[in-house]
Amino acid sequence: MFFALGPIENLETLVSLVTPFAGDQPRQTPDEIRSAYLRFLRDRQPEVPFVGEDHLGIVDDERTTDRLAQLFGLEDTPVGKASGYEEGRDPEESLPGWKRDLVAGGIDDCRQLDPTLGAMLDLVTDSVFATANSLAAGSMTTGKALGVIWIDPLKGWSNFDCVEGLVHEMTHTLLMLDELRYVHYPDYPELKKAENLARSAIRSEARPLNAVVHSYVVAVELLALRARHRPQGFVPRLHAESGELRTKTERARESMLGLDNFDELTTPRLVEVLERVDRLLAETPVEEGPAAAVAGLGEAI
C-alpha cells in the first residue's frame, strides 16, 4: 500500500477517517493527524490499551502486553518450527534487552532507509509489543486492535527482518484503513464459503478472499521494499527468499482472479487497488540471494 498507492493517497485516507475526531484542529501537521488518529482508535476500540505517544512506541508494561496478547489470540498460537535460536529465552520476560534492541533497531532502520516510510509507520502505528518465549516467532496485526503490531523476533534475525515485519504489518494496517474508508467486499459471509477460497502468498494456504488479498498486497510490498533497500548480505529469516516469495505471490494473484465470481465478491475500489499492486509487481525487478543488493527503482518515494 505504501509503495503501490504512495504516501499521499494513504495519508488522504487517514485524514478522511479521522476528521470527525479532529475537533477544531486544522489537521495539517503529522502531530495533529496523529492526535486525531489516536482518538479515532480509542473510539473504535475502547478495550484496546494504547501507548498514545506522538510516534510508534514499544510496549514495556507486562499488564499491557498480557492484555494485547489476549486480544491478538496469542495464547492459542501453535508452536512454530524451531530455528535453533530459542535457547536461553526467558518465558517470564516478554521483552529482554536483545529483543528490544532488535525491534528498536528495525524501527530506526525504517526511519533511516526511507524517512517517508518511517513517518508513515510512526503515524499509523500506536505501538509494538512482543510476547514471552514464543517459538512461533513472527509478526501480526488484527482488526481487533488496529494500530498495534505484535512482532516477536528470534536471535537469528537481523534488523532488516524486523524492518520487513514492520512493513508487513503496516501494509495490513493501511489496507484495513482503505477498506474502512471505501469498503472492499459487499458480502463478507460469502468470502468464507469453500468455493470462494483462494491460495495465499505468504502461507500458501487456502484462505478466504480477503485474507488472500492482504497476503498478496503484503508480498508485493515486501518485494518492493527489498528492491529498494535490501542490505548487502541479507539472508531472510522471517520471510521467504525473493524468488520463492515472488512465485507464491504470482500464484496467489492467479488464484484470486481465477475465482468465477471474483467481480461479485469485490468492489470497484478493491479492483483498483489490486490493479495498482499488479503494476508495482510488474515494475519490481527480480532479485535473489544475499549478493543481489539491488539498487532502488529510481528515486525513493
C-alpha atoms as a PDB file:
ATOM      1  CA  MET A   1       0.000   0.000   0.000  1.00  0.00           C
ATOM      2  CA  PHE A   2       2.805   2.440   0.820  1.00  0.00           C
ATOM      3  CA  PHE A   3       4.656   1.690  -2.415  1.00  0.00           C
ATOM      4  CA  ALA A   4       1.629   0.796  -4.557  1.00  0.00           C
ATOM      5  CA  LEU A   5      -0.565   3.805  -3.715  1.00  0.00           C
ATOM      6  CA  GLY A   6       2.087   6.206  -2.466  1.00  0.00           C
ATOM      7  CA  PRO A   7       2.212   8.093   0.831  1.00  0.00           C
ATOM      8  CA  ILE A   8      -0.082  10.949  -0.231  1.00  0.00           C
ATOM      9  CA  GLU A   9      -3.080   8.775  -1.068  1.00  0.00           C
ATOM     10  CA  ASN A  10      -2.642   6.729   2.107  1.00  0.00           C
ATOM     11  CA  LEU A  11      -2.439   9.952   4.084  1.00  0.00           C
ATOM     12  CA  GLU A  12      -5.613  11.271   2.447  1.00  0.00           C
ATOM     13  CA  THR A  13      -7.447   8.120   3.519  1.00  0.00           C
ATOM     14  CA  LEU A  14      -6.225   8.523   7.082  1.00  0.00           C
ATOM     15  CA  VAL A  15      -7.292  12.180   7.202  1.00  0.00           C
ATOM     16  CA  SER A  16     -10.705  11.278   5.808  1.00  0.00           C
ATOM     17  CA  LEU A  17     -11.266   8.711   8.569  1.00  0.00           C
ATOM     18  CA  VAL A  18     -10.034  10.842  11.471  1.00  0.00           C
ATOM     19  CA  THR A  19     -11.654  14.156  10.500  1.00  0.00           C
ATOM     20  CA  PRO A  20     -14.666  13.606  12.825  1.00  0.00           C
ATOM     21  CA  PHE A  21     -12.196  13.220  15.723  1.00  0.00           C
ATOM     22  CA  ALA A  22     -10.083  16.285  14.979  1.00  0.00           C
ATOM     23  CA  GLY A  23     -12.261  18.898  16.689  1.00  0.00           C
ATOM     24  CA  ASP A  24     -11.092  22.366  15.767  1.00  0.00           C
ATOM     25  CA  GLN A  25      -7.607  21.201  14.785  1.00  0.00           C
ATOM     26  CA  PRO A  26      -6.618  22.065  11.190  1.00  0.00           C
ATOM     27  CA  ARG A  27      -5.200  18.519  10.617  1.00  0.00           C
ATOM     28  CA  GLN A  28      -2.262  19.855   8.613  1.00  0.00           C
ATOM     29  CA  THR A  29       0.737  18.582  10.562  1.00  0.00           C
ATOM     30  CA  PRO A  30       1.651  14.957  11.307  1.00  0.00           C
ATOM     31  CA  ASP A  31       1.210  15.640  15.034  1.00  0.00           C
ATOM     32  CA  GLU A  32      -2.332  16.954  14.503  1.00  0.00           C
ATOM     33  CA  ILE A  33      -3.252  13.999  12.307  1.00  0.00           C
ATOM     34  CA  ARG A  34      -1.665  11.586  14.765  1.00  0.00           C
ATOM     35  CA  SER A  35      -3.610  13.091  17.658  1.00  0.00           C
ATOM     36  CA  ALA A  36      -6.912  12.749  15.790  1.00  0.00           C
ATOM     37  CA  TYR A  37      -5.983   9.204  14.712  1.00  0.00           C
ATOM     38  CA  LEU A  38      -5.389   8.126  18.305  1.00  0.00           C
ATOM     39  CA  ARG A  39      -8.831   9.489  19.256  1.00  0.00           C
ATOM     40  CA  PHE A  40     -10.295   7.578  16.309  1.00  0.00           C
ATOM     41  CA  LEU A  41      -8.635   4.363  17.509  1.00  0.00           C
ATOM     42  CA  ARG A  42      -9.791   4.809  21.108  1.00  0.00           C
ATOM     43  CA  ASP A  43     -13.352   5.478  19.993  1.00  0.00           C
ATOM     44  CA  ARG A  44     -13.375   2.469  17.675  1.00  0.00           C
ATOM     45  CA  GLN A  45     -11.572   0.113  20.088  1.00  0.00           C
ATOM     46  CA  PRO A  46     -12.171   1.232  23.688  1.00  0.00           C
ATOM     47  CA  GLU A  47     -10.995  -2.128  25.027  1.00  0.00           C
ATOM     48  CA  VAL A  48      -7.507  -1.795  23.490  1.00  0.00           C
ATOM     49  CA  PRO A  49      -4.714  -0.320  25.665  1.00  0.00           C
ATOM     50  CA  PHE A  50      -2.845   2.273  23.615  1.00  0.00           C
ATOM     51  CA  VAL A  51       0.526   3.834  24.373  1.00  0.00           C
ATOM     52  CA  GLY A  52      -0.590   7.141  22.865  1.00  0.00           C
ATOM     53  CA  GLU A  53       2.821   8.705  22.175  1.00  0.00           C
ATOM     54  CA  ASP A  54       3.488  11.100  19.300  1.00  0.00           C
ATOM     55  CA  HIS A  55       5.291   8.284  17.456  1.00  0.00           C
ATOM     56  CA  LEU A  56       5.338   4.495  17.466  1.00  0.00           C
ATOM     57  CA  GLY A  57       6.058   3.198  20.966  1.00  0.00           C
ATOM     58  CA  ILE A  58       7.380  -0.115  22.280  1.00  0.00           C
ATOM     59  CA  VAL A  59       5.235  -1.698  24.999  1.00  0.00           C
ATOM     60  CA  ASP A  60       7.277  -2.380  28.158  1.00  0.00           C
ATOM     61  CA  ASP A  61       4.430  -2.885  30.620  1.00  0.00           C
ATOM     62  CA  GLU A  62       3.620  -6.551  31.315  1.00  0.00           C
ATOM     63  CA  ARG A  63      -0.048  -5.896  32.051  1.00  0.00           C
ATOM     64  CA  THR A  64      -0.487  -4.112  28.717  1.00  0.00           C
ATOM     65  CA  THR A  65       1.425  -6.904  26.986  1.00  0.00           C
ATOM     66  CA  ASP A  66      -0.842  -9.553  28.515  1.00  0.00           C
ATOM     67  CA  ARG A  67      -3.997  -7.677  27.504  1.00  0.00           C
ATOM     68  CA  LEU A  68      -2.778  -7.218  23.938  1.00  0.00           C
ATOM     69  CA  ALA A  69      -1.783 -10.884  23.747  1.00  0.00           C
ATOM     70  CA  GLN A  70      -5.353 -11.815  24.687  1.00  0.00           C
ATOM     71  CA  LEU A  71      -6.813  -9.507  22.036  1.00  0.00           C
ATOM     72  CA  PHE A  72      -4.473 -10.979  19.420  1.00  0.00           C
ATOM     73  CA  GLY A  73      -5.312 -14.533  20.478  1.00  0.00           C
ATOM     74  CA  LEU A  74      -1.649 -15.319  21.007  1.00  0.00           C
ATOM     75  CA  GLU A  75      -2.349 -17.739  23.835  1.00  0.00           C
ATOM     76  CA  ASP A  76      -3.753 -20.017  21.102  1.00  0.00           C
ATOM     77  CA  THR A  77      -0.856 -19.598  18.680  1.00  0.00           C
ATOM     78  CA  PRO A  78       0.519 -23.017  17.706  1.00  0.00           C
ATOM     79  CA  VAL A  79       4.187 -23.648  18.356  1.00  0.00           C
ATOM     80  CA  GLY A  80       6.183 -22.863  15.231  1.00  0.00           C
ATOM     81  CA  LYS A  81       9.178 -24.626  13.817  1.00  0.00           C
ATOM     82  CA  ALA A  82      12.288 -24.417  15.987  1.00  0.00           C
ATOM     83  CA  SER A  83      15.003 -22.362  14.332  1.00  0.00           C
ATOM     84  CA  GLY A  84      17.923 -23.045  16.644  1.00  0.00           C
ATOM     85  CA  TYR A  85      17.814 -19.623  18.269  1.00  0.00           C
ATOM     86  CA  GLU A  86      15.350 -20.344  21.069  1.00  0.00           C
ATOM     87  CA  GLU A  87      17.814 -21.495  23.724  1.00  0.00           C
ATOM     88  CA  GLY A  88      18.122 -19.158  26.649  1.00  0.00           C
ATOM     89  CA  ARG A  89      14.882 -17.299  26.036  1.00  0.00           C
ATOM     90  CA  ASP A  90      13.171 -16.381  29.278  1.00  0.00           C
ATOM     91  CA  PRO A  91       9.499 -17.402  29.362  1.00  0.00           C
ATOM     92  CA  GLU A  92       8.944 -14.894  32.168  1.00  0.00           C
ATOM     93  CA  GLU A  93      10.318 -11.887  30.263  1.00  0.00           C
ATOM     94  CA  SER A  94       8.449 -10.782  27.144  1.00  0.00           C
ATOM     95  CA  LEU A  95      10.915  -8.073  26.163  1.00  0.00           C
ATOM     96  CA  PRO A  96      14.504  -8.905  27.151  1.00  0.00           C
ATOM     97  CA  GLY A  97      17.223  -6.479  26.109  1.00  0.00           C
ATOM     98  CA  TRP A  98      18.286  -8.320  22.950  1.00  0.00           C
ATOM     99  CA  LYS A  99      14.703  -8.476  21.678  1.00  0.00           C
ATOM    100  CA  ARG A 100      14.023  -4.833  22.419  1.00  0.00           C
ATOM    101  CA  ASP A 101      17.243  -3.876  20.621  1.00  0.00           C
ATOM    102  CA  LEU A 102      16.181  -5.820  17.522  1.00  0.00           C
ATOM    103  CA  VAL A 103      12.735  -4.243  17.431  1.00  0.00           C
ATOM    104  CA  ALA A 104      14.082  -0.752  18.131  1.00  0.00           C
ATOM    105  CA  GLY A 105      16.779  -1.283  15.507  1.00  0.00           C
ATOM    106  CA  GLY A 106      14.155  -2.234  12.936  1.00  0.00           C
ATOM    107  CA  ILE A 107      12.112   0.872  13.731  1.00  0.00           C
ATOM    108  CA  ASP A 108      15.189   3.116  13.468  1.00  0.00           C
ATOM    109  CA  ASP A 109      16.215   1.475  10.189  1.00  0.00           C
ATOM    110  CA  CYS A 110      12.753   2.119   8.726  1.00  0.00           C
ATOM    111  CA  ARG A 111      13.168   5.794   9.523  1.00  0.00           C
ATOM    112  CA  GLN A 112      16.702   5.972   8.139  1.00  0.00           C
ATOM    113  CA  LEU A 113      16.264   3.856   4.995  1.00  0.00           C
ATOM    114  CA  ASP A 114      13.260   5.890   3.880  1.00  0.00           C
ATOM    115  CA  PRO A 115      12.169   8.816   6.055  1.00  0.00           C
ATOM    116  CA  THR A 116       8.749   8.917   4.401  1.00  0.00           C
ATOM    117  CA  LEU A 117       8.230   5.219   5.067  1.00  0.00           C
ATOM    118  CA  GLY A 118       9.331   5.737   8.666  1.00  0.00           C
ATOM    119  CA  ALA A 119       6.991   8.698   9.046  1.00  0.00           C
ATOM    120  CA  MET A 120       4.055   6.617   7.789  1.00  0.00           C
ATOM    121  CA  LEU A 121       4.941   3.817  10.201  1.00  0.00           C
ATOM    122  CA  ASP A 122       5.075   6.326  13.085  1.00  0.00           C
ATOM    123  CA  LEU A 123       1.785   7.859  12.012  1.00  0.00           C
ATOM    124  CA  VAL A 124      -0.433   4.769  11.692  1.00  0.00           C
ATOM    125  CA  THR A 125       1.112   2.536  14.385  1.00  0.00           C
ATOM    126  CA  ASP A 126       0.437   3.275  18.026  1.00  0.00           C
ATOM    127  CA  SER A 127       2.705   0.595  19.424  1.00  0.00           C
ATOM    128  CA  VAL A 128       4.656  -2.626  19.001  1.00  0.00           C
ATOM    129  CA  PHE A 129       4.663  -5.406  21.575  1.00  0.00           C
ATOM    130  CA  ALA A 130       6.334  -8.808  21.980  1.00  0.00           C
ATOM    131  CA  THR A 131       5.393 -11.904  23.951  1.00  0.00           C
ATOM    132  CA  ALA A 132       7.454 -14.262  26.085  1.00  0.00           C
ATOM    133  CA  ASN A 133       9.317 -17.282  24.760  1.00  0.00           C
ATOM    134  CA  SER A 134       7.183 -17.906  21.675  1.00  0.00           C
ATOM    135  CA  LEU A 135       8.621 -20.397  19.211  1.00  0.00           C
ATOM    136  CA  ALA A 136       6.070 -19.111  16.724  1.00  0.00           C
ATOM    137  CA  ALA A 137       8.171 -16.022  16.125  1.00  0.00           C
ATOM    138  CA  GLY A 138       6.897 -13.575  13.553  1.00  0.00           C
ATOM    139  CA  SER A 139       4.603 -10.577  13.294  1.00  0.00           C
ATOM    140  CA  MET A 140       0.866  -9.970  13.333  1.00  0.00           C
ATOM    141  CA  THR A 141      -1.878  -7.373  13.205  1.00  0.00           C
ATOM    142  CA  THR A 142      -5.572  -7.798  13.939  1.00  0.00           C
ATOM    143  CA  GLY A 143      -8.687  -5.805  13.195  1.00  0.00           C
ATOM    144  CA  LYS A 144      -9.498  -6.119  16.904  1.00  0.00           C
ATOM    145  CA  ALA A 145      -6.543  -3.850  17.748  1.00  0.00           C
ATOM    146  CA  LEU A 146      -5.953  -1.677  14.711  1.00  0.00           C
ATOM    147  CA  GLY A 147      -2.794   0.381  15.122  1.00  0.00           C
ATOM    148  CA  VAL A 148      -0.949  -2.220  17.214  1.00  0.00           C
ATOM    149  CA  ILE A 149       1.714  -4.629  15.908  1.00  0.00           C
ATOM    150  CA  TRP A 150       2.891  -7.849  17.518  1.00  0.00           C
ATOM    151  CA  ILE A 151       6.445  -8.629  16.476  1.00  0.00           C
ATOM    152  CA  ASP A 152       8.418 -11.352  18.209  1.00  0.00           C
ATOM    153  CA  PRO A 153      11.925 -11.849  16.802  1.00  0.00           C
ATOM    154  CA  LEU A 154      14.394 -14.669  17.250  1.00  0.00           C
ATOM    155  CA  LYS A 155      18.070 -14.077  17.944  1.00  0.00           C
ATOM    156  CA  GLY A 156      18.915 -15.112  14.387  1.00  0.00           C
ATOM    157  CA  TRP A 157      17.044 -12.154  12.934  1.00  0.00           C
ATOM    158  CA  SER A 158      18.765  -9.051  11.633  1.00  0.00           C
ATOM    159  CA  ASN A 159      17.401  -5.524  11.917  1.00  0.00           C
ATOM    160  CA  PHE A 160      16.125  -5.839   8.345  1.00  0.00           C
ATOM    161  CA  ASP A 161      13.995  -8.850   9.308  1.00  0.00           C
ATOM    162  CA  CYS A 162      12.340  -6.518  11.798  1.00  0.00           C
ATOM    163  CA  VAL A 163      12.009  -3.874   9.083  1.00  0.00           C
ATOM    164  CA  GLU A 164      10.213  -6.454   6.947  1.00  0.00           C
ATOM    165  CA  GLY A 165       7.958  -7.406   9.845  1.00  0.00           C
ATOM    166  CA  LEU A 166       7.047  -3.774  10.466  1.00  0.00           C
ATOM    167  CA  VAL A 167       6.383  -3.033   6.786  1.00  0.00           C
ATOM    168  CA  HIS A 168       4.397  -6.283   6.507  1.00  0.00           C
ATOM    169  CA  GLU A 169       2.110  -5.227   9.351  1.00  0.00           C
ATOM    170  CA  MET A 170       1.922  -1.568   8.329  1.00  0.00           C
ATOM    171  CA  THR A 171       0.678  -2.800   4.945  1.00  0.00           C
ATOM    172  CA  HIS A 172      -2.119  -4.716   6.669  1.00  0.00           C
ATOM    173  CA  THR A 173      -2.971  -1.569   8.637  1.00  0.00           C
ATOM    174  CA  LEU A 174      -3.046   0.688   5.563  1.00  0.00           C
ATOM    175  CA  LEU A 175      -5.172  -1.830   3.678  1.00  0.00           C
ATOM    176  CA  MET A 176      -7.617  -2.060   6.596  1.00  0.00           C
ATOM    177  CA  LEU A 177      -7.853   1.742   6.735  1.00  0.00           C
ATOM    178  CA  ASP A 178      -8.543   1.872   2.998  1.00  0.00           C
ATOM    179  CA  GLU A 179     -11.212  -0.785   3.480  1.00  0.00           C
ATOM    180  CA  LEU A 180     -12.831   1.234   6.273  1.00  0.00           C
ATOM    181  CA  ARG A 181     -12.995   4.265   4.011  1.00  0.00           C
ATOM    182  CA  TYR A 182     -14.151   2.666   0.759  1.00  0.00           C
ATOM    183  CA  VAL A 183     -15.473  -0.872   1.533  1.00  0.00           C
ATOM    184  CA  HIS A 184     -13.730  -3.670  -0.355  1.00  0.00           C
ATOM    185  CA  TYR A 185     -16.274  -6.509  -0.145  1.00  0.00           C
ATOM    186  CA  PRO A 186     -20.074  -6.250  -0.480  1.00  0.00           C
ATOM    187  CA  ASP A 187     -20.808  -9.537   1.344  1.00  0.00           C
ATOM    188  CA  TYR A 188     -18.287 -10.760   3.921  1.00  0.00           C
ATOM    189  CA  PRO A 189     -20.017 -14.083   4.765  1.00  0.00           C
ATOM    190  CA  GLU A 190     -19.661 -15.107   1.108  1.00  0.00           C
ATOM    191  CA  LEU A 191     -15.858 -14.888   1.396  1.00  0.00           C
ATOM    192  CA  LYS A 192     -15.734 -17.807   3.840  1.00  0.00           C
ATOM    193  CA  LYS A 193     -17.561 -20.282   1.609  1.00  0.00           C
ATOM    194  CA  ALA A 194     -15.411 -23.162   0.359  1.00  0.00           C
ATOM    195  CA  GLU A 195     -15.936 -22.252  -3.296  1.00  0.00           C
ATOM    196  CA  ASN A 196     -14.617 -18.746  -2.650  1.00  0.00           C
ATOM    197  CA  LEU A 197     -11.300 -19.690  -1.048  1.00  0.00           C
ATOM    198  CA  ALA A 198      -8.026 -18.813  -2.764  1.00  0.00           C
ATOM    199  CA  ARG A 199      -4.365 -19.622  -2.092  1.00  0.00           C
ATOM    200  CA  SER A 200      -2.384 -17.063  -0.081  1.00  0.00           C
ATOM    201  CA  ALA A 201       1.028 -15.668  -0.980  1.00  0.00           C
ATOM    202  CA  ILE A 202       2.755 -15.839   2.413  1.00  0.00           C
ATOM    203  CA  ARG A 203       1.443 -19.134   3.840  1.00  0.00           C
ATOM    204  CA  SER A 204       0.407 -20.802   0.554  1.00  0.00           C
ATOM    205  CA  GLU A 205      -2.815 -21.934   2.233  1.00  0.00           C
ATOM    206  CA  ALA A 206      -6.439 -21.941   1.067  1.00  0.00           C
ATOM    207  CA  ARG A 207      -7.980 -18.916   2.776  1.00  0.00           C
ATOM    208  CA  PRO A 208     -10.931 -16.515   2.374  1.00  0.00           C
ATOM    209  CA  LEU A 209     -10.512 -13.969  -0.404  1.00  0.00           C
ATOM    210  CA  ASN A 210      -9.959 -11.006   1.916  1.00  0.00           C
ATOM    211  CA  ALA A 211      -7.090 -12.830   3.657  1.00  0.00           C
ATOM    212  CA  VAL A 212      -5.532 -13.725   0.297  1.00  0.00           C
ATOM    213  CA  VAL A 213      -5.847 -10.129  -0.885  1.00  0.00           C
ATOM    214  CA  HIS A 214      -3.969  -8.996   2.224  1.00  0.00           C
ATOM    215  CA  SER A 215      -1.338 -11.682   1.658  1.00  0.00           C
ATOM    216  CA  TYR A 216      -0.869 -10.673  -1.992  1.00  0.00           C
ATOM    217  CA  VAL A 217      -0.562  -6.960  -1.247  1.00  0.00           C
ATOM    218  CA  VAL A 218       1.870  -7.613   1.634  1.00  0.00           C
ATOM    219  CA  ALA A 219       4.076  -9.874  -0.505  1.00  0.00           C
ATOM    220  CA  VAL A 220       4.316  -7.312  -3.315  1.00  0.00           C
ATOM    221  CA  GLU A 221       5.148  -4.537  -0.844  1.00  0.00           C
ATOM    222  CA  LEU A 222       7.908  -6.714   0.652  1.00  0.00           C
ATOM    223  CA  LEU A 223       9.389  -7.371  -2.788  1.00  0.00           C
ATOM    224  CA  ALA A 224       9.295  -3.618  -3.494  1.00  0.00           C
ATOM    225  CA  LEU A 225      10.932  -2.913  -0.136  1.00  0.00           C
ATOM    226  CA  ARG A 226      13.763  -5.347  -0.902  1.00  0.00           C
ATOM    227  CA  ALA A 227      14.263  -3.936  -4.382  1.00  0.00           C
ATOM    228  CA  ARG A 228      14.834  -0.514  -2.865  1.00  0.00           C
ATOM    229  CA  HIS A 229      16.539  -1.196   0.457  1.00  0.00           C
ATOM    230  CA  ARG A 230      17.809  -4.785   0.791  1.00  0.00           C
ATOM    231  CA  PRO A 231      21.140  -4.694   2.678  1.00  0.00           C
ATOM    232  CA  GLN A 232      24.214  -6.361   1.243  1.00  0.00           C
ATOM    233  CA  GLY A 233      24.461  -9.908   2.567  1.00  0.00           C
ATOM    234  CA  PHE A 234      20.915 -10.025   3.955  1.00  0.00           C
ATOM    235  CA  VAL A 235      19.596 -13.577   4.449  1.00  0.00           C
ATOM    236  CA  PRO A 236      15.842 -13.552   5.234  1.00  0.00           C
ATOM    237  CA  ARG A 237      14.728 -15.289   8.421  1.00  0.00           C
ATOM    238  CA  LEU A 238      11.148 -14.053   8.675  1.00  0.00           C
ATOM    239  CA  HIS A 239      10.005 -14.286   5.053  1.00  0.00           C
ATOM    240  CA  ALA A 240      10.982 -16.480   2.109  1.00  0.00           C
ATOM    241  CA  GLU A 241      13.804 -15.582  -0.254  1.00  0.00           C
ATOM    242  CA  SER A 242      12.667 -13.289  -3.055  1.00  0.00           C
ATOM    243  CA  GLY A 243      12.458 -15.834  -5.868  1.00  0.00           C
ATOM    244  CA  GLU A 244      10.231 -18.131  -3.833  1.00  0.00           C
ATOM    245  CA  LEU A 245       8.193 -15.230  -2.489  1.00  0.00           C
ATOM    246  CA  ARG A 246       7.603 -13.866  -5.975  1.00  0.00           C
ATOM    247  CA  THR A 247       6.471 -17.262  -7.260  1.00  0.00           C
ATOM    248  CA  LYS A 248       3.997 -17.603  -4.383  1.00  0.00           C
ATOM    249  CA  THR A 249       2.832 -14.033  -4.990  1.00  0.00           C
ATOM    250  CA  GLU A 250       2.070 -14.682  -8.648  1.00  0.00           C
ATOM    251  CA  ARG A 251       0.246 -17.897  -7.771  1.00  0.00           C
ATOM    252  CA  ALA A 252      -1.858 -16.043  -5.199  1.00  0.00           C
ATOM    253  CA  ARG A 253      -2.811 -13.476  -7.823  1.00  0.00           C
ATOM    254  CA  GLU A 254      -3.829 -16.198 -10.275  1.00  0.00           C
ATOM    255  CA  SER A 255      -5.803 -17.964  -7.538  1.00  0.00           C
ATOM    256  CA  MET A 256      -7.731 -14.794  -6.647  1.00  0.00           C
ATOM    257  CA  LEU A 257      -8.518 -13.765 -10.188  1.00  0.00           C
ATOM    258  CA  GLY A 258      -9.401 -17.352 -11.051  1.00  0.00           C
ATOM    259  CA  LEU A 259     -12.487 -17.297  -8.835  1.00  0.00           C
ATOM    260  CA  ASP A 260     -15.553 -17.453 -11.067  1.00  0.00           C
ATOM    261  CA  ASN A 261     -17.393 -14.785  -9.094  1.00  0.00           C
ATOM    262  CA  PHE A 262     -14.425 -12.521  -8.283  1.00  0.00           C
ATOM    263  CA  ASP A 263     -16.252  -9.447  -9.613  1.00  0.00           C
ATOM    264  CA  GLU A 264     -19.287 -10.135  -7.430  1.00  0.00           C
ATOM    265  CA  LEU A 265     -17.166 -10.654  -4.326  1.00  0.00           C
ATOM    266  CA  THR A 266     -15.256  -7.377  -4.663  1.00  0.00           C
ATOM    267  CA  THR A 267     -15.953  -3.664  -5.044  1.00  0.00           C
ATOM    268  CA  PRO A 268     -14.538  -1.404  -7.775  1.00  0.00           C
ATOM    269  CA  ARG A 269     -12.241   0.226  -5.190  1.00  0.00           C
ATOM    270  CA  LEU A 270     -10.582  -3.071  -4.325  1.00  0.00           C
ATOM    271  CA  VAL A 271     -10.171  -3.890  -8.013  1.00  0.00           C
ATOM    272  CA  GLU A 272      -8.457  -0.525  -8.474  1.00  0.00           C
ATOM    273  CA  VAL A 273      -6.114  -1.182  -5.540  1.00  0.00           C
ATOM    274  CA  LEU A 274      -5.204  -4.616  -6.890  1.00  0.00           C
ATOM    275  CA  GLU A 275      -4.523  -3.205 -10.356  1.00  0.00           C
ATOM    276  CA  ARG A 276      -2.064  -0.751  -8.854  1.00  0.00           C
ATOM    277  CA  VAL A 277      -0.426  -3.512  -6.816  1.00  0.00           C
ATOM    278  CA  ASP A 278      -0.183  -5.516 -10.063  1.00  0.00           C
ATOM    279  CA  ARG A 279       1.674  -2.600 -11.674  1.00  0.00           C
ATOM    280  CA  LEU A 280       4.047  -2.398  -8.730  1.00  0.00           C
ATOM    281  CA  LEU A 281       4.803  -6.111  -9.042  1.00  0.00           C
ATOM    282  CA  ALA A 282       5.455  -5.770 -12.779  1.00  0.00           C
ATOM    283  CA  GLU A 283       7.831  -2.845 -12.156  1.00  0.00           C
ATOM    284  CA  THR A 284       9.741  -4.549  -9.354  1.00  0.00           C
ATOM    285  CA  PRO A 285      12.890  -6.375 -10.537  1.00  0.00           C
ATOM    286  CA  VAL A 286      13.541  -9.951  -9.525  1.00  0.00           C
ATOM    287  CA  GLU A 287      16.406 -10.124  -7.031  1.00  0.00           C
ATOM    288  CA  GLU A 288      17.633 -13.200  -5.271  1.00  0.00           C
ATOM    289  CA  GLY A 289      20.149 -14.067  -2.598  1.00  0.00           C
ATOM    290  CA  PRO A 290      22.396 -12.037  -0.302  1.00  0.00           C
ATOM    291  CA  ALA A 291      24.656 -10.897  -3.117  1.00  0.00           C
ATOM    292  CA  ALA A 292      21.884  -9.186  -5.041  1.00  0.00           C
ATOM    293  CA  ALA A 293      21.594  -5.924  -3.109  1.00  0.00           C
ATOM    294  CA  VAL A 294      19.514  -4.461  -5.916  1.00  0.00           C
ATOM    295  CA  ALA A 295      19.522  -0.695  -6.283  1.00  0.00           C
ATOM    296  CA  GLY A 296      16.313   1.281  -5.882  1.00  0.00           C
ATOM    297  CA  LEU A 297      13.757   1.840  -8.641  1.00  0.00           C
ATOM    298  CA  GLY A 298      14.652   5.444  -9.335  1.00  0.00           C
ATOM    299  CA  GLU A 299      14.184   7.969  -6.572  1.00  0.00           C
ATOM    300  CA  ALA A 300      12.749   6.758  -3.278  1.00  0.00           C
ATOM    301  CA  ILE A 301       9.147   7.666  -2.668  1.00  0.00           C
END
